[in-house]
Amino acid sequence: MTETGTLEAAPVRRGLRSSITVGAVLAAAGLIFSMSAQLAGGEDARQPQDLVSLADAETRRVAELSEQVEALTAQIGALDDPVGTVIPSRDALLAAREGVVSGSVAVSGPGLTVSLDDAPPSSVSVAGAQADDLVVHQQDLQDVINALWAGGAEAMTLQGERVTATSAFRCSGNILLLHGKVFSPPYVVTAVGDPDRLSAALDRSPGVQTYLDYVDWVNLGWSVHRHEQVELPAFTGGSGLRHARVPEGTDVFS
């Protein structure tokens, strides 16, 4: 092929590629426009077509929700009104009485102190007396304590330990176990209350009178001392009480 022929053929091929390229671009553009039209059209289109209508619809929805919020807020306020925000305070007198009964507060006032002691060694020679007759027993302490409660004692201590509703003591031989501590005689019971009523309650107690018979017989220790003012400490130990149940038939509201 001549050089002249080569120069004439080149423009033909170059022009053909240009035509093919332009056609491909036009076809692709048409396809893109067609797909855009399909995506934008129809009732189920995801893109909003009428922004004004959409804004109006959302405005109405917000207004409806606001009305619901206001209605619910009003209901909550109506429910809160009967409850009130003021927490009632405990009656001061009732709280003080509970503190005395539970032993959580110290108590002072007039009262009595009762002391019980074992018989002296010389009492062994008393005719008919046995070893058990010469010592203070648990029952003797219980009789004294119960008599003082019956006489209107407001508070009480045994060996200086505050007696509470959960206090329990045990005698083993001539030692006393109370609140995890060990005590030896003499045993001292102190009660706050009207001394005259407390003394009269001791005189009425059959158990105390039996003990006094042994006082006369084997010389068991016994003394009663009146106080114009005596202070009993608060209980410092744990209550140990987990739950309680009122016996059937008990009136707790009278």
C-alpha atoms as a PDB file:
ATOM      1  CA  MET A   1       0.000   0.000   0.000  1.00  0.00           C
ATOM      2  CA  THR A   2       1.338   3.512  -0.901  1.00  0.00           C
ATOM      3  CA  GLU A   3       2.012   6.181   1.739  1.00  0.00           C
ATOM      4  CA  THR A   4      -0.777   8.228   0.202  1.00  0.00           C
ATOM      5  CA  GLY A   5      -3.259   5.386   0.670  1.00  0.00           C
ATOM      6  CA  THR A   6      -2.313   4.999   4.308  1.00  0.00           C
ATOM      7  CA  LEU A   7      -2.937   8.672   5.049  1.00  0.00           C
ATOM      8  CA  GLU A   8      -6.387   8.516   3.413  1.00  0.00           C
ATOM      9  CA  ALA A   9      -7.617   5.450   5.361  1.00  0.00           C
ATOM     10  CA  ALA A  10      -6.830   6.764   8.872  1.00  0.00           C
ATOM     11  CA  PRO A  11      -9.603   9.408   9.084  1.00  0.00           C
ATOM     12  CA  VAL A  12     -12.222   6.796   8.164  1.00  0.00           C
ATOM     13  CA  ARG A  13     -11.356   4.549  11.139  1.00  0.00           C
ATOM     14  CA  ARG A  14     -11.042   7.455  13.568  1.00  0.00           C
ATOM     15  CA  GLY A  15     -14.449   8.805  12.535  1.00  0.00           C
ATOM     16  CA  LEU A  16     -16.055   5.383  13.055  1.00  0.00           C
ATOM     17  CA  ARG A  17     -14.831   5.135  16.684  1.00  0.00           C
ATOM     18  CA  SER A  18     -16.158   8.613  17.373  1.00  0.00           C
ATOM     19  CA  SER A  19     -19.589   7.698  16.034  1.00  0.00           C
ATOM     20  CA  ILE A  20     -19.701   4.510  18.127  1.00  0.00           C
ATOM     21  CA  THR A  21     -18.626   6.404  21.272  1.00  0.00           C
ATOM     22  CA  VAL A  22     -21.237   9.133  20.849  1.00  0.00           C
ATOM     23  CA  GLY A  23     -23.937   6.534  20.252  1.00  0.00           C
ATOM     24  CA  ALA A  24     -23.004   4.624  23.399  1.00  0.00           C
ATOM     25  CA  VAL A  25     -23.129   7.778  25.494  1.00  0.00           C
ATOM     26  CA  LEU A  26     -26.536   8.719  24.116  1.00  0.00           C
ATOM     27  CA  ALA A  27     -27.895   5.214  24.745  1.00  0.00           C
ATOM     28  CA  ALA A  28     -26.607   5.212  28.341  1.00  0.00           C
ATOM     29  CA  ALA A  29     -28.070   8.621  29.001  1.00  0.00           C
ATOM     30  CA  GLY A  30     -31.420   7.488  27.692  1.00  0.00           C
ATOM     31  CA  LEU A  31     -31.318   4.455  29.964  1.00  0.00           C
ATOM     32  CA  ILE A  32     -30.493   6.608  33.019  1.00  0.00           C
ATOM     33  CA  PHE A  33     -33.326   9.038  32.251  1.00  0.00           C
ATOM     34  CA  SER A  34     -35.720   6.147  31.791  1.00  0.00           C
ATOM     35  CA  MET A  35     -34.778   4.540  35.130  1.00  0.00           C
ATOM     36  CA  SER A  36     -35.024   7.870  36.929  1.00  0.00           C
ATOM     37  CA  ALA A  37     -38.468   8.391  35.545  1.00  0.00           C
ATOM     38  CA  GLN A  38     -39.572   4.929  36.661  1.00  0.00           C
ATOM     39  CA  LEU A  39     -38.149   5.400  40.182  1.00  0.00           C
ATOM     40  CA  ALA A  40     -39.714   8.816  40.548  1.00  0.00           C
ATOM     41  CA  GLY A  41     -43.107   7.845  39.186  1.00  0.00           C
ATOM     42  CA  GLY A  42     -45.992   5.883  40.677  1.00  0.00           C
ATOM     43  CA  GLU A  43     -47.923   6.126  43.945  1.00  0.00           C
ATOM     44  CA  ASP A  44     -45.418   3.928  45.785  1.00  0.00           C
ATOM     45  CA  ALA A  45     -42.444   6.161  45.027  1.00  0.00           C
ATOM     46  CA  ARG A  46     -40.165   6.629  48.051  1.00  0.00           C
ATOM     47  CA  GLN A  47     -39.208  10.184  47.189  1.00  0.00           C
ATOM     48  CA  PRO A  48     -41.849  12.849  47.945  1.00  0.00           C
ATOM     49  CA  GLN A  49     -43.197  14.634  44.936  1.00  0.00           C
ATOM     50  CA  ASP A  50     -45.415  17.185  46.759  1.00  0.00           C
ATOM     51  CA  LEU A  51     -43.352  18.763  49.571  1.00  0.00           C
ATOM     52  CA  VAL A  52     -46.096  21.194  50.538  1.00  0.00           C
ATOM     53  CA  SER A  53     -48.612  18.381  51.094  1.00  0.00           C
ATOM     54  CA  LEU A  54     -46.041  16.360  52.995  1.00  0.00           C
ATOM     55  CA  ALA A  55     -45.261  19.297  55.291  1.00  0.00           C
ATOM     56  CA  ASP A  56     -48.964  19.846  55.942  1.00  0.00           C
ATOM     57  CA  ALA A  57     -49.447  16.160  56.813  1.00  0.00           C
ATOM     58  CA  GLU A  58     -46.502  16.141  59.228  1.00  0.00           C
ATOM     59  CA  THR A  59     -47.713  19.351  60.856  1.00  0.00           C
ATOM     60  CA  ARG A  60     -51.116  17.784  61.486  1.00  0.00           C
ATOM     61  CA  ARG A  61     -49.474  14.641  62.919  1.00  0.00           C
ATOM     62  CA  VAL A  62     -47.335  16.672  65.296  1.00  0.00           C
ATOM     63  CA  ALA A  63     -50.407  18.602  66.449  1.00  0.00           C
ATOM     64  CA  GLU A  64     -52.299  15.349  67.149  1.00  0.00           C
ATOM     65  CA  LEU A  65     -49.367  13.923  69.134  1.00  0.00           C
ATOM     66  CA  SER A  66     -49.082  17.155  71.124  1.00  0.00           C
ATOM     67  CA  GLU A  67     -52.761  16.900  72.043  1.00  0.00           C
ATOM     68  CA  GLN A  68     -52.214  13.309  73.223  1.00  0.00           C
ATOM     69  CA  VAL A  69     -49.250  14.400  75.363  1.00  0.00           C
ATOM     70  CA  GLU A  70     -51.318  17.160  76.968  1.00  0.00           C
ATOM     71  CA  ALA A  71     -54.152  14.719  77.702  1.00  0.00           C
ATOM     72  CA  LEU A  72     -51.798  12.163  79.291  1.00  0.00           C
ATOM     73  CA  THR A  73     -50.091  14.874  81.334  1.00  0.00           C
ATOM     74  CA  ALA A  74     -53.478  15.956  82.667  1.00  0.00           C
ATOM     75  CA  GLN A  75     -54.288  12.354  83.642  1.00  0.00           C
ATOM     76  CA  ILE A  76     -50.978  12.031  85.510  1.00  0.00           C
ATOM     77  CA  GLY A  77     -51.680  15.271  87.362  1.00  0.00           C
ATOM     78  CA  ALA A  78     -55.140  14.038  88.341  1.00  0.00           C
ATOM     79  CA  LEU A  79     -53.637  10.820  89.725  1.00  0.00           C
ATOM     80  CA  ASP A  80     -50.969  12.730  91.675  1.00  0.00           C
ATOM     81  CA  ASP A  81     -53.447  15.071  93.387  1.00  0.00           C
ATOM     82  CA  PRO A  82     -54.982  12.487  95.786  1.00  0.00           C
ATOM     83  CA  VAL A  83     -51.531  11.216  96.755  1.00  0.00           C
ATOM     84  CA  GLY A  84     -50.097  14.572  97.711  1.00  0.00           C
ATOM     85  CA  THR A  85     -46.486  15.469  98.274  1.00  0.00           C
ATOM     86  CA  VAL A  86     -46.517  15.856 102.070  1.00  0.00           C
ATOM     87  CA  ILE A  87     -45.236  12.782 103.928  1.00  0.00           C
ATOM     88  CA  PRO A  88     -47.007  12.479 107.298  1.00  0.00           C
ATOM     89  CA  SER A  89     -44.659  12.653 110.267  1.00  0.00           C
ATOM     90  CA  ARG A  90     -44.665  10.109 113.075  1.00  0.00           C
ATOM     91  CA  ASP A  91     -46.389  11.052 116.276  1.00  0.00           C
ATOM     92  CA  ALA A  92     -43.639  12.211 118.653  1.00  0.00           C
ATOM     93  CA  LEU A  93     -45.241  10.631 121.720  1.00  0.00           C
ATOM     94  CA  LEU A  94     -45.699   7.298 119.951  1.00  0.00           C
ATOM     95  CA  ALA A  95     -42.085   7.336 118.721  1.00  0.00           C
ATOM     96  CA  ALA A  96     -40.861   8.025 122.270  1.00  0.00           C
ATOM     97  CA  ARG A  97     -42.909   5.150 123.678  1.00  0.00           C
ATOM     98  CA  GLU A  98     -41.587   2.797 120.997  1.00  0.00           C
ATOM     99  CA  GLY A  99     -38.035   3.817 121.883  1.00  0.00           C
ATOM    100  CA  VAL A 100     -38.636   3.015 125.552  1.00  0.00           C
ATOM    101  CA  VAL A 101     -40.240  -0.351 124.845  1.00  0.00           C
ATOM    102  CA  SER A 102     -37.568  -1.409 122.339  1.00  0.00           C
ATOM    103  CA  GLY A 103     -34.794  -0.223 124.640  1.00  0.00           C
ATOM    104  CA  SER A 104     -33.287   1.990 121.946  1.00  0.00           C
ATOM    105  CA  VAL A 105     -33.297   5.096 124.176  1.00  0.00           C
ATOM    106  CA  ALA A 106     -32.065   5.682 127.696  1.00  0.00           C
ATOM    107  CA  VAL A 107     -34.744   6.108 130.374  1.00  0.00           C
ATOM    108  CA  SER A 108     -34.596   7.979 133.653  1.00  0.00           C
ATOM    109  CA  GLY A 109     -37.012   8.505 136.509  1.00  0.00           C
ATOM    110  CA  PRO A 110     -37.985   7.193 139.941  1.00  0.00           C
ATOM    111  CA  GLY A 111     -37.863   3.461 140.519  1.00  0.00           C
ATOM    112  CA  LEU A 112     -36.642   0.469 142.501  1.00  0.00           C
ATOM    113  CA  THR A 113     -33.539  -1.714 142.641  1.00  0.00           C
ATOM    114  CA  VAL A 114     -33.919  -5.309 143.836  1.00  0.00           C
ATOM    115  CA  SER A 115     -30.862  -7.427 144.721  1.00  0.00           C
ATOM    116  CA  LEU A 116     -30.833 -11.224 145.103  1.00  0.00           C
ATOM    117  CA  ASP A 117     -27.847 -13.196 146.362  1.00  0.00           C
ATOM    118  CA  ASP A 118     -26.841 -16.723 147.298  1.00  0.00           C
ATOM    119  CA  ALA A 119     -26.930 -17.749 150.944  1.00  0.00           C
ATOM    120  CA  PRO A 120     -23.677 -17.466 152.921  1.00  0.00           C
ATOM    121  CA  PRO A 121     -21.544 -20.607 153.403  1.00  0.00           C
ATOM    122  CA  SER A 122     -22.706 -20.889 157.009  1.00  0.00           C
ATOM    123  CA  SER A 123     -26.224 -21.728 155.799  1.00  0.00           C
ATOM    124  CA  VAL A 124     -25.011 -25.208 154.880  1.00  0.00           C
ATOM    125  CA  SER A 125     -25.548 -26.138 158.519  1.00  0.00           C
ATOM    126  CA  VAL A 126     -29.253 -25.211 158.421  1.00  0.00           C
ATOM    127  CA  ALA A 127     -31.258 -28.322 159.237  1.00  0.00           C
ATOM    128  CA  GLY A 128     -32.882 -29.845 156.153  1.00  0.00           C
ATOM    129  CA  ALA A 129     -31.280 -27.408 153.727  1.00  0.00           C
ATOM    130  CA  GLN A 130     -29.842 -28.744 150.473  1.00  0.00           C
ATOM    131  CA  ALA A 131     -27.397 -27.184 148.019  1.00  0.00           C
ATOM    132  CA  ASP A 132     -30.180 -26.048 145.654  1.00  0.00           C
ATOM    133  CA  ASP A 133     -31.872 -24.204 148.509  1.00  0.00           C
ATOM    134  CA  LEU A 134     -28.852 -21.959 148.997  1.00  0.00           C
ATOM    135  CA  VAL A 135     -28.587 -20.386 145.522  1.00  0.00           C
ATOM    136  CA  VAL A 136     -30.627 -17.940 143.455  1.00  0.00           C
ATOM    137  CA  HIS A 137     -32.430 -19.754 140.651  1.00  0.00           C
ATOM    138  CA  GLN A 138     -33.586 -18.551 137.253  1.00  0.00           C
ATOM    139  CA  GLN A 139     -37.189 -18.791 138.398  1.00  0.00           C
ATOM    140  CA  ASP A 140     -36.475 -16.395 141.277  1.00  0.00           C
ATOM    141  CA  LEU A 141     -35.223 -13.736 138.853  1.00  0.00           C
ATOM    142  CA  GLN A 142     -38.157 -14.305 136.545  1.00  0.00           C
ATOM    143  CA  ASP A 143     -40.606 -13.836 139.414  1.00  0.00           C
ATOM    144  CA  VAL A 144     -39.017 -10.518 140.366  1.00  0.00           C
ATOM    145  CA  ILE A 145     -38.847  -9.234 136.792  1.00  0.00           C
ATOM    146  CA  ASN A 146     -42.431 -10.266 135.984  1.00  0.00           C
ATOM    147  CA  ALA A 147     -43.701  -8.643 139.181  1.00  0.00           C
ATOM    148  CA  LEU A 148     -41.983  -5.369 138.329  1.00  0.00           C
ATOM    149  CA  TRP A 149     -43.451  -5.381 134.810  1.00  0.00           C
ATOM    150  CA  ALA A 150     -46.871  -6.060 136.321  1.00  0.00           C
ATOM    151  CA  GLY A 151     -46.317  -3.134 138.680  1.00  0.00           C
ATOM    152  CA  GLY A 152     -45.991  -0.726 135.760  1.00  0.00           C
ATOM    153  CA  ALA A 153     -42.247  -0.659 135.162  1.00  0.00           C
ATOM    154  CA  GLU A 154     -41.448   1.487 132.112  1.00  0.00           C
ATOM    155  CA  ALA A 155     -37.950   0.107 131.615  1.00  0.00           C
ATOM    156  CA  MET A 156     -35.648  -2.335 133.355  1.00  0.00           C
ATOM    157  CA  THR A 157     -32.066  -3.560 133.593  1.00  0.00           C
ATOM    158  CA  LEU A 158     -30.578  -6.826 134.836  1.00  0.00           C
ATOM    159  CA  GLN A 159     -26.920  -6.630 135.847  1.00  0.00           C
ATOM    160  CA  GLY A 160     -26.848  -3.238 134.156  1.00  0.00           C
ATOM    161  CA  GLU A 161     -28.027  -4.743 130.832  1.00  0.00           C
ATOM    162  CA  ARG A 162     -31.193  -3.214 129.386  1.00  0.00           C
ATOM    163  CA  VAL A 163     -33.991  -5.779 129.327  1.00  0.00           C
ATOM    164  CA  THR A 164     -35.920  -5.745 126.014  1.00  0.00           C
ATOM    165  CA  ALA A 165     -38.672  -7.802 124.429  1.00  0.00           C
ATOM    166  CA  THR A 166     -36.061 -10.165 122.974  1.00  0.00           C
ATOM    167  CA  SER A 167     -33.869 -10.479 126.093  1.00  0.00           C
ATOM    168  CA  ALA A 168     -33.456 -13.997 127.429  1.00  0.00           C
ATOM    169  CA  PHE A 169     -31.336 -15.059 130.380  1.00  0.00           C
ATOM    170  CA  ARG A 170     -30.322 -18.495 131.662  1.00  0.00           C
ATOM    171  CA  CYS A 171     -28.970 -19.615 134.990  1.00  0.00           C
ATOM    172  CA  SER A 172     -26.474 -22.470 135.102  1.00  0.00           C
ATOM    173  CA  GLY A 173     -25.415 -23.328 138.629  1.00  0.00           C
ATOM    174  CA  ASN A 174     -24.648 -20.003 140.244  1.00  0.00           C
ATOM    175  CA  ILE A 175     -23.882 -18.060 137.049  1.00  0.00           C
ATOM    176  CA  LEU A 176     -26.166 -16.018 134.816  1.00  0.00           C
ATOM    177  CA  LEU A 177     -25.973 -15.868 131.012  1.00  0.00           C
ATOM    178  CA  LEU A 178     -27.446 -12.713 129.462  1.00  0.00           C
ATOM    179  CA  HIS A 179     -26.792 -11.089 126.064  1.00  0.00           C
ATOM    180  CA  GLY A 180     -23.774 -13.313 125.553  1.00  0.00           C
ATOM    181  CA  LYS A 181     -22.215 -12.271 128.869  1.00  0.00           C
ATOM    182  CA  VAL A 182     -21.630 -14.222 132.091  1.00  0.00           C
ATOM    183  CA  PHE A 183     -22.561 -12.800 135.506  1.00  0.00           C
ATOM    184  CA  SER A 184     -22.237 -14.019 139.083  1.00  0.00           C
ATOM    185  CA  PRO A 185     -24.411 -13.113 142.070  1.00  0.00           C
ATOM    186  CA  PRO A 186     -25.544 -10.827 143.511  1.00  0.00           C
ATOM    187  CA  TYR A 187     -28.131 -10.303 140.778  1.00  0.00           C
ATOM    188  CA  VAL A 188     -29.402  -6.735 140.528  1.00  0.00           C
ATOM    189  CA  VAL A 189     -32.671  -5.718 138.857  1.00  0.00           C
ATOM    190  CA  THR A 190     -33.444  -1.992 138.464  1.00  0.00           C
ATOM    191  CA  ALA A 191     -36.765  -0.701 137.169  1.00  0.00           C
ATOM    192  CA  VAL A 192     -38.039   2.798 136.355  1.00  0.00           C
ATOM    193  CA  GLY A 193     -41.596   3.379 137.507  1.00  0.00           C
ATOM    194  CA  ASP A 194     -43.734   4.401 140.459  1.00  0.00           C
ATOM    195  CA  PRO A 195     -41.844   3.005 143.489  1.00  0.00           C
ATOM    196  CA  ASP A 196     -45.035   2.430 145.459  1.00  0.00           C
ATOM    197  CA  ARG A 197     -46.694   0.445 142.664  1.00  0.00           C
ATOM    198  CA  LEU A 198     -43.527  -1.551 142.002  1.00  0.00           C
ATOM    199  CA  SER A 199     -43.141  -2.421 145.692  1.00  0.00           C
ATOM    200  CA  ALA A 200     -46.796  -3.430 145.954  1.00  0.00           C
ATOM    201  CA  ALA A 201     -46.411  -5.682 142.883  1.00  0.00           C
ATOM    202  CA  LEU A 202     -43.491  -7.485 144.560  1.00  0.00           C
ATOM    203  CA  ASP A 203     -45.629  -8.053 147.650  1.00  0.00           C
ATOM    204  CA  ARG A 204     -48.438  -9.532 145.517  1.00  0.00           C
ATOM    205  CA  SER A 205     -46.243 -11.979 143.624  1.00  0.00           C
ATOM    206  CA  PRO A 206     -46.528 -15.580 144.920  1.00  0.00           C
ATOM    207  CA  GLY A 207     -43.116 -16.423 143.457  1.00  0.00           C
ATOM    208  CA  VAL A 208     -41.450 -13.504 145.221  1.00  0.00           C
ATOM    209  CA  GLN A 209     -43.125 -14.443 148.494  1.00  0.00           C
ATOM    210  CA  THR A 210     -41.800 -18.003 148.156  1.00  0.00           C
ATOM    211  CA  TYR A 211     -38.290 -16.618 147.666  1.00  0.00           C
ATOM    212  CA  LEU A 212     -38.729 -14.458 150.777  1.00  0.00           C
ATOM    213  CA  ASP A 213     -39.588 -17.626 152.727  1.00  0.00           C
ATOM    214  CA  TYR A 214     -36.158 -18.975 151.760  1.00  0.00           C
ATOM    215  CA  VAL A 215     -34.630 -15.657 152.741  1.00  0.00           C
ATOM    216  CA  ASP A 216     -35.978 -16.220 156.253  1.00  0.00           C
ATOM    217  CA  TRP A 217     -35.016 -19.914 156.262  1.00  0.00           C
ATOM    218  CA  VAL A 218     -31.506 -20.135 154.742  1.00  0.00           C
ATOM    219  CA  ASN A 219     -30.632 -16.437 154.642  1.00  0.00           C
ATOM    220  CA  LEU A 220     -30.750 -15.911 150.863  1.00  0.00           C
ATOM    221  CA  GLY A 221     -29.768 -12.359 149.942  1.00  0.00           C
ATOM    222  CA  TRP A 222     -32.582  -9.841 149.418  1.00  0.00           C
ATOM    223  CA  SER A 223     -32.754  -6.055 149.404  1.00  0.00           C
ATOM    224  CA  VAL A 224     -35.017  -3.404 147.890  1.00  0.00           C
ATOM    225  CA  HIS A 225     -33.827   0.164 147.376  1.00  0.00           C
ATOM    226  CA  ARG A 226     -35.990   3.076 146.266  1.00  0.00           C
ATOM    227  CA  HIS A 227     -34.749   5.739 143.836  1.00  0.00           C
ATOM    228  CA  GLU A 228     -36.017   9.253 143.434  1.00  0.00           C
ATOM    229  CA  GLN A 229     -34.137   9.357 140.139  1.00  0.00           C
ATOM    230  CA  VAL A 230     -32.273   6.590 138.342  1.00  0.00           C
ATOM    231  CA  GLU A 231     -31.050   6.351 134.731  1.00  0.00           C
ATOM    232  CA  LEU A 232     -31.127   3.160 132.687  1.00  0.00           C
ATOM    233  CA  PRO A 233     -28.887   2.960 129.594  1.00  0.00           C
ATOM    234  CA  ALA A 234     -30.125   2.149 126.104  1.00  0.00           C
ATOM    235  CA  PHE A 235     -29.714  -1.356 124.763  1.00  0.00           C
ATOM    236  CA  THR A 236     -26.621  -1.561 122.535  1.00  0.00           C
ATOM    237  CA  GLY A 237     -26.909  -5.091 121.160  1.00  0.00           C
ATOM    238  CA  GLY A 238     -28.808  -6.420 118.152  1.00  0.00           C
ATOM    239  CA  SER A 239     -32.458  -7.320 118.472  1.00  0.00           C
ATOM    240  CA  GLY A 240     -32.075 -10.678 116.735  1.00  0.00           C
ATOM    241  CA  LEU A 241     -35.766 -10.409 115.794  1.00  0.00           C
ATOM    242  CA  ARG A 242     -36.441 -11.239 112.143  1.00  0.00           C
ATOM    243  CA  HIS A 243     -40.243 -11.381 112.107  1.00  0.00           C
ATOM    244  CA  ALA A 244     -43.157 -11.646 114.492  1.00  0.00           C
ATOM    245  CA  ARG A 245     -46.787 -12.691 114.297  1.00  0.00           C
ATOM    246  CA  VAL A 246     -49.652 -11.453 116.436  1.00  0.00           C
ATOM    247  CA  PRO A 247     -51.566 -14.328 118.095  1.00  0.00           C
ATOM    248  CA  GLU A 248     -55.046 -14.930 116.736  1.00  0.00           C
ATOM    249  CA  GLY A 249     -57.722 -12.986 118.553  1.00  0.00           C
ATOM    250  CA  THR A 250     -55.338 -10.242 119.697  1.00  0.00           C
ATOM    251  CA  ASP A 251     -56.713  -6.721 119.279  1.00  0.00           C
ATOM    252  CA  VAL A 252     -53.752  -4.547 118.244  1.00  0.00           C
ATOM    253  CA  PHE A 253     -55.765  -1.411 117.419  1.00  0.00           C
ATOM    254  CA  SER A 254     -57.507  -0.714 120.702  1.00  0.00           C
END
